[in-house]
Amino acid sequence: MEICRVGSVANEEFVEAARAGGAQRPEFTAGDLHALVRDNALALKHGERPPRDDYDRRTGYLLDGIRGRSPGTP
């Protein structure tokens, strides 16, 4: 349980730092990060492992979805 607690604190710190720096969408939460990491781990554990290029491309889509907007970007 201590590992889970430390991981949760780290997620909160990571998300807050990214939000403060404008690197992620303001509505993205530590709970969202936890769910994305957990869901990805379950998909890899129980699903068919995709080729590395596909995995990297899809990870890029995910990161683009949570990335903050640059000034002047609609």
PDB file of N, CA and C in Angstrom:
ATOM      1  N   MET A   1       0.811  -1.188   0.000  1.00  0.00           N
ATOM      2  CA  MET A   1       0.000   0.000   0.000  1.00  0.00           C
ATOM      3  C   MET A   1       0.861   1.262   0.000  1.00  0.00           C
ATOM      4  N   GLU A   2       2.028   1.163   0.617  1.00  0.00           N
ATOM      5  CA  GLU A   2       2.914   2.331   0.647  1.00  0.00           C
ATOM      6  C   GLU A   2       3.371   2.695  -0.774  1.00  0.00           C
ATOM      7  N   ILE A   3       3.623   1.698  -1.606  1.00  0.00           N
ATOM      8  CA  ILE A   3       4.008   1.967  -2.998  1.00  0.00           C
ATOM      9  C   ILE A   3       2.879   2.711  -3.711  1.00  0.00           C
ATOM     10  N   CYS A   4       1.652   2.299  -3.483  1.00  0.00           N
ATOM     11  CA  CYS A   4       0.498   2.978  -4.094  1.00  0.00           C
ATOM     12  C   CYS A   4       0.398   4.418  -3.619  1.00  0.00           C
ATOM     13  N   ARG A   5       0.600   4.646  -2.332  1.00  0.00           N
ATOM     14  CA  ARG A   5       0.520   5.991  -1.785  1.00  0.00           C
ATOM     15  C   ARG A   5       1.609   6.883  -2.376  1.00  0.00           C
ATOM     16  N   VAL A   6       2.820   6.370  -2.437  1.00  0.00           N
ATOM     17  CA  VAL A   6       3.928   7.146  -2.994  1.00  0.00           C
ATOM     18  C   VAL A   6       3.677   7.431  -4.479  1.00  0.00           C
ATOM     19  N   GLY A   7       3.158   6.439  -5.200  1.00  0.00           N
ATOM     20  CA  GLY A   7       2.831   6.646  -6.610  1.00  0.00           C
ATOM     21  C   GLY A   7       1.765   7.710  -6.796  1.00  0.00           C
ATOM     22  N   SER A   8       0.765   7.709  -5.934  1.00  0.00           N
ATOM     23  CA  SER A   8      -0.293   8.719  -6.014  1.00  0.00           C
ATOM     24  C   SER A   8       0.250  10.120  -5.761  1.00  0.00           C
ATOM     25  N   VAL A   9       1.112  10.244  -4.782  1.00  0.00           N
ATOM     26  CA  VAL A   9       1.721  11.543  -4.485  1.00  0.00           C
ATOM     27  C   VAL A   9       2.563  12.002  -5.678  1.00  0.00           C
ATOM     28  N   ALA A  10       3.329  11.082  -6.249  1.00  0.00           N
ATOM     29  CA  ALA A  10       4.155  11.422  -7.413  1.00  0.00           C
ATOM     30  C   ALA A  10       3.286  11.864  -8.591  1.00  0.00           C
ATOM     31  N   ASN A  11       2.179  11.151  -8.823  1.00  0.00           N
ATOM     32  CA  ASN A  11       1.257  11.543  -9.902  1.00  0.00           C
ATOM     33  C   ASN A  11       0.731  12.954  -9.671  1.00  0.00           C
ATOM     34  N   GLU A  12       0.320  13.244  -8.450  1.00  0.00           N
ATOM     35  CA  GLU A  12      -0.216  14.573  -8.134  1.00  0.00           C
ATOM     36  C   GLU A  12       0.838  15.658  -8.364  1.00  0.00           C
ATOM     37  N   GLU A  13       2.061  15.405  -7.935  1.00  0.00           N
ATOM     38  CA  GLU A  13       3.135  16.382  -8.117  1.00  0.00           C
ATOM     39  C   GLU A  13       3.454  16.574  -9.601  1.00  0.00           C
ATOM     40  N   PHE A  14       3.503  15.480 -10.347  1.00  0.00           N
ATOM     41  CA  PHE A  14       3.795  15.533 -11.776  1.00  0.00           C
ATOM     42  C   PHE A  14       2.727  16.329 -12.519  1.00  0.00           C
ATOM     43  N   VAL A  15       1.479  16.022 -12.241  1.00  0.00           N
ATOM     44  CA  VAL A  15       0.373  16.701 -12.919  1.00  0.00           C
ATOM     45  C   VAL A  15       0.335  18.179 -12.544  1.00  0.00           C
ATOM     46  N   GLU A  16       0.537  18.497 -11.290  1.00  0.00           N
ATOM     47  CA  GLU A  16       0.517  19.900 -10.866  1.00  0.00           C
ATOM     48  C   GLU A  16       1.653  20.678 -11.519  1.00  0.00           C
ATOM     49  N   ALA A  17       2.830  20.091 -11.590  1.00  0.00           N
ATOM     50  CA  ALA A  17       3.967  20.774 -12.221  1.00  0.00           C
ATOM     51  C   ALA A  17       3.707  20.989 -13.712  1.00  0.00           C
ATOM     52  N   ALA A  18       3.153  19.990 -14.376  1.00  0.00           N
ATOM     53  CA  ALA A  18       2.844  20.117 -15.806  1.00  0.00           C
ATOM     54  C   ALA A  18       1.765  21.171 -16.033  1.00  0.00           C
ATOM     55  N   ARG A  19       0.768  21.192 -15.181  1.00  0.00           N
ATOM     56  CA  ARG A  19      -0.302  22.185 -15.293  1.00  0.00           C
ATOM     57  C   ARG A  19       0.254  23.591 -15.051  1.00  0.00           C
ATOM     58  N   ALA A  20       1.063  23.746 -14.024  1.00  0.00           N
ATOM     59  CA  ALA A  20       1.627  25.056 -13.693  1.00  0.00           C
ATOM     60  C   ALA A  20       2.507  25.588 -14.818  1.00  0.00           C
ATOM     61  N   GLY A  21       3.173  24.691 -15.514  1.00  0.00           N
ATOM     62  CA  GLY A  21       4.031  25.103 -16.613  1.00  0.00           C
ATOM     63  C   GLY A  21       3.305  25.226 -17.941  1.00  0.00           C
ATOM     64  N   GLY A  22       2.005  24.951 -17.945  1.00  0.00           N
ATOM     65  CA  GLY A  22       1.214  25.044 -19.174  1.00  0.00           C
ATOM     66  C   GLY A  22       1.427  23.890 -20.141  1.00  0.00           C
ATOM     67  N   ALA A  23       2.073  22.821 -19.670  1.00  0.00           N
ATOM     68  CA  ALA A  23       2.379  21.691 -20.549  1.00  0.00           C
ATOM     69  C   ALA A  23       1.218  20.726 -20.734  1.00  0.00           C
ATOM     70  N   GLN A  24       0.179  20.878 -19.950  1.00  0.00           N
ATOM     71  CA  GLN A  24      -0.971  19.983 -20.093  1.00  0.00           C
ATOM     72  C   GLN A  24      -2.260  20.764 -19.944  1.00  0.00           C
ATOM     73  N   ARG A  25      -3.327  20.118 -20.371  1.00  0.00           N
ATOM     74  CA  ARG A  25      -4.652  20.741 -20.272  1.00  0.00           C
ATOM     75  C   ARG A  25      -4.973  20.983 -18.803  1.00  0.00           C
ATOM     76  N   PRO A  26      -5.593  22.114 -18.482  1.00  0.00           N
ATOM     77  CA  PRO A  26      -5.849  22.441 -17.078  1.00  0.00           C
ATOM     78  C   PRO A  26      -6.831  21.501 -16.395  1.00  0.00           C
ATOM     79  N   GLU A  27      -7.705  20.865 -17.144  1.00  0.00           N
ATOM     80  CA  GLU A  27      -8.701  19.981 -16.526  1.00  0.00           C
ATOM     81  C   GLU A  27      -8.183  18.562 -16.301  1.00  0.00           C
ATOM     82  N   PHE A  28      -6.984  18.240 -16.793  1.00  0.00           N
ATOM     83  CA  PHE A  28      -6.409  16.908 -16.617  1.00  0.00           C
ATOM     84  C   PHE A  28      -5.981  16.739 -15.168  1.00  0.00           C
ATOM     85  N   THR A  29      -6.358  15.620 -14.546  1.00  0.00           N
ATOM     86  CA  THR A  29      -6.100  15.409 -13.120  1.00  0.00           C
ATOM     87  C   THR A  29      -5.150  14.241 -12.881  1.00  0.00           C
ATOM     88  N   ALA A  30      -4.656  14.139 -11.657  1.00  0.00           N
ATOM     89  CA  ALA A  30      -3.833  12.995 -11.270  1.00  0.00           C
ATOM     90  C   ALA A  30      -4.637  11.702 -11.399  1.00  0.00           C
ATOM     91  N   GLY A  31      -5.935  11.764 -11.132  1.00  0.00           N
ATOM     92  CA  GLY A  31      -6.789  10.586 -11.315  1.00  0.00           C
ATOM     93  C   GLY A  31      -6.876  10.170 -12.773  1.00  0.00           C
ATOM     94  N   ASP A  32      -6.894  11.156 -13.672  1.00  0.00           N
ATOM     95  CA  ASP A  32      -6.884  10.845 -15.102  1.00  0.00           C
ATOM     96  C   ASP A  32      -5.587  10.137 -15.483  1.00  0.00           C
ATOM     97  N   LEU A  33      -4.461  10.648 -14.982  1.00  0.00           N
ATOM     98  CA  LEU A  33      -3.169  10.019 -15.272  1.00  0.00           C
ATOM     99  C   LEU A  33      -3.154   8.589 -14.760  1.00  0.00           C
ATOM    100  N   HIS A  34      -3.630   8.393 -13.543  1.00  0.00           N
ATOM    101  CA  HIS A  34      -3.659   7.049 -12.964  1.00  0.00           C
ATOM    102  C   HIS A  34      -4.500   6.105 -13.829  1.00  0.00           C
ATOM    103  N   ALA A  35      -5.659   6.565 -14.249  1.00  0.00           N
ATOM    104  CA  ALA A  35      -6.536   5.722 -15.078  1.00  0.00           C
ATOM    105  C   ALA A  35      -5.882   5.390 -16.412  1.00  0.00           C
ATOM    106  N   LEU A  36      -5.226   6.350 -17.035  1.00  0.00           N
ATOM    107  CA  LEU A  36      -4.574   6.091 -18.320  1.00  0.00           C
ATOM    108  C   LEU A  36      -3.437   5.083 -18.184  1.00  0.00           C
ATOM    109  N   VAL A  37      -2.627   5.236 -17.148  1.00  0.00           N
ATOM    110  CA  VAL A  37      -1.521   4.297 -16.924  1.00  0.00           C
ATOM    111  C   VAL A  37      -2.059   2.900 -16.617  1.00  0.00           C
ATOM    112  N   ARG A  38      -3.062   2.819 -15.749  1.00  0.00           N
ATOM    113  CA  ARG A  38      -3.657   1.528 -15.395  1.00  0.00           C
ATOM    114  C   ARG A  38      -4.289   0.865 -16.606  1.00  0.00           C
ATOM    115  N   ASP A  39      -5.072   1.628 -17.360  1.00  0.00           N
ATOM    116  CA  ASP A  39      -5.750   1.059 -18.532  1.00  0.00           C
ATOM    117  C   ASP A  39      -4.747   0.578 -19.569  1.00  0.00           C
ATOM    118  N   ASN A  40      -3.669   1.334 -19.757  1.00  0.00           N
ATOM    119  CA  ASN A  40      -2.643   0.920 -20.704  1.00  0.00           C
ATOM    120  C   ASN A  40      -1.973  -0.378 -20.242  1.00  0.00           C
ATOM    121  N   ALA A  41      -1.667  -0.456 -18.955  1.00  0.00           N
ATOM    122  CA  ALA A  41      -1.029  -1.665 -18.422  1.00  0.00           C
ATOM    123  C   ALA A  41      -1.938  -2.887 -18.590  1.00  0.00           C
ATOM    124  N   LEU A  42      -3.228  -2.709 -18.330  1.00  0.00           N
ATOM    125  CA  LEU A  42      -4.164  -3.827 -18.493  1.00  0.00           C
ATOM    126  C   LEU A  42      -4.299  -4.243 -19.953  1.00  0.00           C
ATOM    127  N   ALA A  43      -4.323  -3.269 -20.846  1.00  0.00           N
ATOM    128  CA  ALA A  43      -4.421  -3.588 -22.273  1.00  0.00           C
ATOM    129  C   ALA A  43      -3.193  -4.362 -22.734  1.00  0.00           C
ATOM    130  N   LEU A  44      -2.016  -3.960 -22.277  1.00  0.00           N
ATOM    131  CA  LEU A  44      -0.805  -4.673 -22.668  1.00  0.00           C
ATOM    132  C   LEU A  44      -0.743  -6.060 -22.037  1.00  0.00           C
ATOM    133  N   LYS A  45      -1.223  -6.182 -20.811  1.00  0.00           N
ATOM    134  CA  LYS A  45      -1.182  -7.478 -20.125  1.00  0.00           C
ATOM    135  C   LYS A  45      -2.156  -8.476 -20.746  1.00  0.00           C
ATOM    136  N   HIS A  46      -3.356  -8.013 -21.074  1.00  0.00           N
ATOM    137  CA  HIS A  46      -4.406  -8.938 -21.501  1.00  0.00           C
ATOM    138  C   HIS A  46      -4.683  -8.920 -23.000  1.00  0.00           C
ATOM    139  N   GLY A  47      -4.126  -7.964 -23.702  1.00  0.00           N
ATOM    140  CA  GLY A  47      -4.371  -7.875 -25.137  1.00  0.00           C
ATOM    141  C   GLY A  47      -3.159  -8.310 -25.932  1.00  0.00           C
ATOM    142  N   GLU A  48      -3.293  -8.167 -27.227  1.00  0.00           N
ATOM    143  CA  GLU A  48      -2.176  -8.485 -28.110  1.00  0.00           C
ATOM    144  C   GLU A  48      -1.224  -7.297 -28.121  1.00  0.00           C
ATOM    145  N   ARG A  49       0.028  -7.549 -27.941  1.00  0.00           N
ATOM    146  CA  ARG A  49       1.019  -6.475 -27.907  1.00  0.00           C
ATOM    147  C   ARG A  49       1.235  -5.949 -29.326  1.00  0.00           C
ATOM    148  N   PRO A  50       1.038  -4.635 -29.512  1.00  0.00           N
ATOM    149  CA  PRO A  50       1.185  -4.070 -30.857  1.00  0.00           C
ATOM    150  C   PRO A  50       2.658  -3.916 -31.236  1.00  0.00           C
ATOM    151  N   PRO A  51       2.935  -3.802 -32.529  1.00  0.00           N
ATOM    152  CA  PRO A  51       4.306  -3.481 -32.940  1.00  0.00           C
ATOM    153  C   PRO A  51       4.738  -2.146 -32.331  1.00  0.00           C
ATOM    154  N   ARG A  52       6.005  -1.995 -32.080  1.00  0.00           N
ATOM    155  CA  ARG A  52       6.526  -0.810 -31.386  1.00  0.00           C
ATOM    156  C   ARG A  52       6.127   0.498 -32.087  1.00  0.00           C
ATOM    157  N   ASP A  53       6.213   0.537 -33.409  1.00  0.00           N
ATOM    158  CA  ASP A  53       5.848   1.760 -34.139  1.00  0.00           C
ATOM    159  C   ASP A  53       4.386   2.143 -33.888  1.00  0.00           C
ATOM    160  N   ASP A  54       3.492   1.156 -33.885  1.00  0.00           N
ATOM    161  CA  ASP A  54       2.078   1.425 -33.622  1.00  0.00           C
ATOM    162  C   ASP A  54       1.886   1.929 -32.195  1.00  0.00           C
ATOM    163  N   TYR A  55       2.556   1.275 -31.252  1.00  0.00           N
ATOM    164  CA  TYR A  55       2.442   1.684 -29.856  1.00  0.00           C
ATOM    165  C   TYR A  55       2.922   3.119 -29.672  1.00  0.00           C
ATOM    166  N   ASP A  56       4.066   3.451 -30.254  1.00  0.00           N
ATOM    167  CA  ASP A  56       4.608   4.805 -30.127  1.00  0.00           C
ATOM    168  C   ASP A  56       3.678   5.838 -30.771  1.00  0.00           C
ATOM    169  N   ARG A  57       3.117   5.523 -31.931  1.00  0.00           N
ATOM    170  CA  ARG A  57       2.210   6.447 -32.609  1.00  0.00           C
ATOM    171  C   ARG A  57       0.967   6.693 -31.757  1.00  0.00           C
ATOM    172  N   ARG A  58       0.411   5.636 -31.216  1.00  0.00           N
ATOM    173  CA  ARG A  58      -0.802   5.764 -30.398  1.00  0.00           C
ATOM    174  C   ARG A  58      -0.517   6.500 -29.095  1.00  0.00           C
ATOM    175  N   THR A  59       0.656   6.286 -28.541  1.00  0.00           N
ATOM    176  CA  THR A  59       1.043   7.026 -27.350  1.00  0.00           C
ATOM    177  C   THR A  59       1.126   8.516 -27.667  1.00  0.00           C
ATOM    178  N   GLY A  60       1.608   8.853 -28.847  1.00  0.00           N
ATOM    179  CA  GLY A  60       1.648  10.244 -29.279  1.00  0.00           C
ATOM    180  C   GLY A  60       0.264  10.852 -29.343  1.00  0.00           C
ATOM    181  N   TYR A  61      -0.708  10.086 -29.833  1.00  0.00           N
ATOM    182  CA  TYR A  61      -2.095  10.581 -29.869  1.00  0.00           C
ATOM    183  C   TYR A  61      -2.590  10.877 -28.458  1.00  0.00           C
ATOM    184  N   LEU A  62      -2.289   9.979 -27.547  1.00  0.00           N
ATOM    185  CA  LEU A  62      -2.708  10.163 -26.160  1.00  0.00           C
ATOM    186  C   LEU A  62      -2.077  11.420 -25.576  1.00  0.00           C
ATOM    187  N   LEU A  63      -0.783  11.577 -25.751  1.00  0.00           N
ATOM    188  CA  LEU A  63      -0.106  12.742 -25.200  1.00  0.00           C
ATOM    189  C   LEU A  63      -0.593  14.032 -25.852  1.00  0.00           C
ATOM    190  N   ASP A  64      -0.876  14.003 -27.138  1.00  0.00           N
ATOM    191  CA  ASP A  64      -1.424  15.190 -27.805  1.00  0.00           C
ATOM    192  C   ASP A  64      -2.765  15.585 -27.196  1.00  0.00           C
ATOM    193  N   GLY A  65      -3.526  14.598 -26.751  1.00  0.00           N
ATOM    194  CA  GLY A  65      -4.841  14.874 -26.176  1.00  0.00           C
ATOM    195  C   GLY A  65      -4.797  15.550 -24.823  1.00  0.00           C
ATOM    196  N   ILE A  66      -3.710  15.364 -24.072  1.00  0.00           N
ATOM    197  CA  ILE A  66      -3.620  15.974 -22.747  1.00  0.00           C
ATOM    198  C   ILE A  66      -2.681  17.173 -22.720  1.00  0.00           C
ATOM    199  N   ARG A  67      -1.993  17.406 -23.817  1.00  0.00           N
ATOM    200  CA  ARG A  67      -1.029  18.516 -23.889  1.00  0.00           C
ATOM    201  C   ARG A  67      -1.735  19.855 -23.817  1.00  0.00           C
ATOM    202  N   GLY A  68      -1.122  20.786 -23.123  1.00  0.00           N
ATOM    203  CA  GLY A  68      -1.665  22.133 -23.026  1.00  0.00           C
ATOM    204  C   GLY A  68      -1.589  22.843 -24.370  1.00  0.00           C
ATOM    205  N   ARG A  69      -2.372  23.855 -24.492  1.00  0.00           N
ATOM    206  CA  ARG A  69      -2.408  24.656 -25.712  1.00  0.00           C
ATOM    207  C   ARG A  69      -1.307  25.715 -25.656  1.00  0.00           C
ATOM    208  N   SER A  70      -0.621  25.886 -26.764  1.00  0.00           N
ATOM    209  CA  SER A  70       0.367  26.962 -26.873  1.00  0.00           C
ATOM    210  C   SER A  70      -0.372  28.279 -27.019  1.00  0.00           C
ATOM    211  N   PRO A  71       0.215  29.358 -26.547  1.00  0.00           N
ATOM    212  CA  PRO A  71      -0.435  30.658 -26.745  1.00  0.00           C
ATOM    213  C   PRO A  71      -0.721  30.900 -28.228  1.00  0.00           C
ATOM    214  N   GLY A  72      -1.909  31.350 -28.528  1.00  0.00           N
ATOM    215  CA  GLY A  72      -2.305  31.607 -29.907  1.00  0.00           C
ATOM    216  C   GLY A  72      -2.871  30.410 -30.623  1.00  0.00           C
ATOM    217  N   THR A  73      -2.895  29.239 -29.977  1.00  0.00           N
ATOM    218  CA  THR A  73      -3.463  28.035 -30.581  1.00  0.00           C
ATOM    219  C   THR A  73      -4.937  27.976 -30.249  1.00  0.00           C
ATOM    220  N   PRO A  74      -5.795  27.703 -31.254  1.00  0.00           N
ATOM    221  CA  PRO A  74      -7.238  27.636 -30.963  1.00  0.00           C
ATOM    222  C   PRO A  74      -7.610  26.515 -30.028  1.00  0.00           C
TER     223      PRO A  74
END
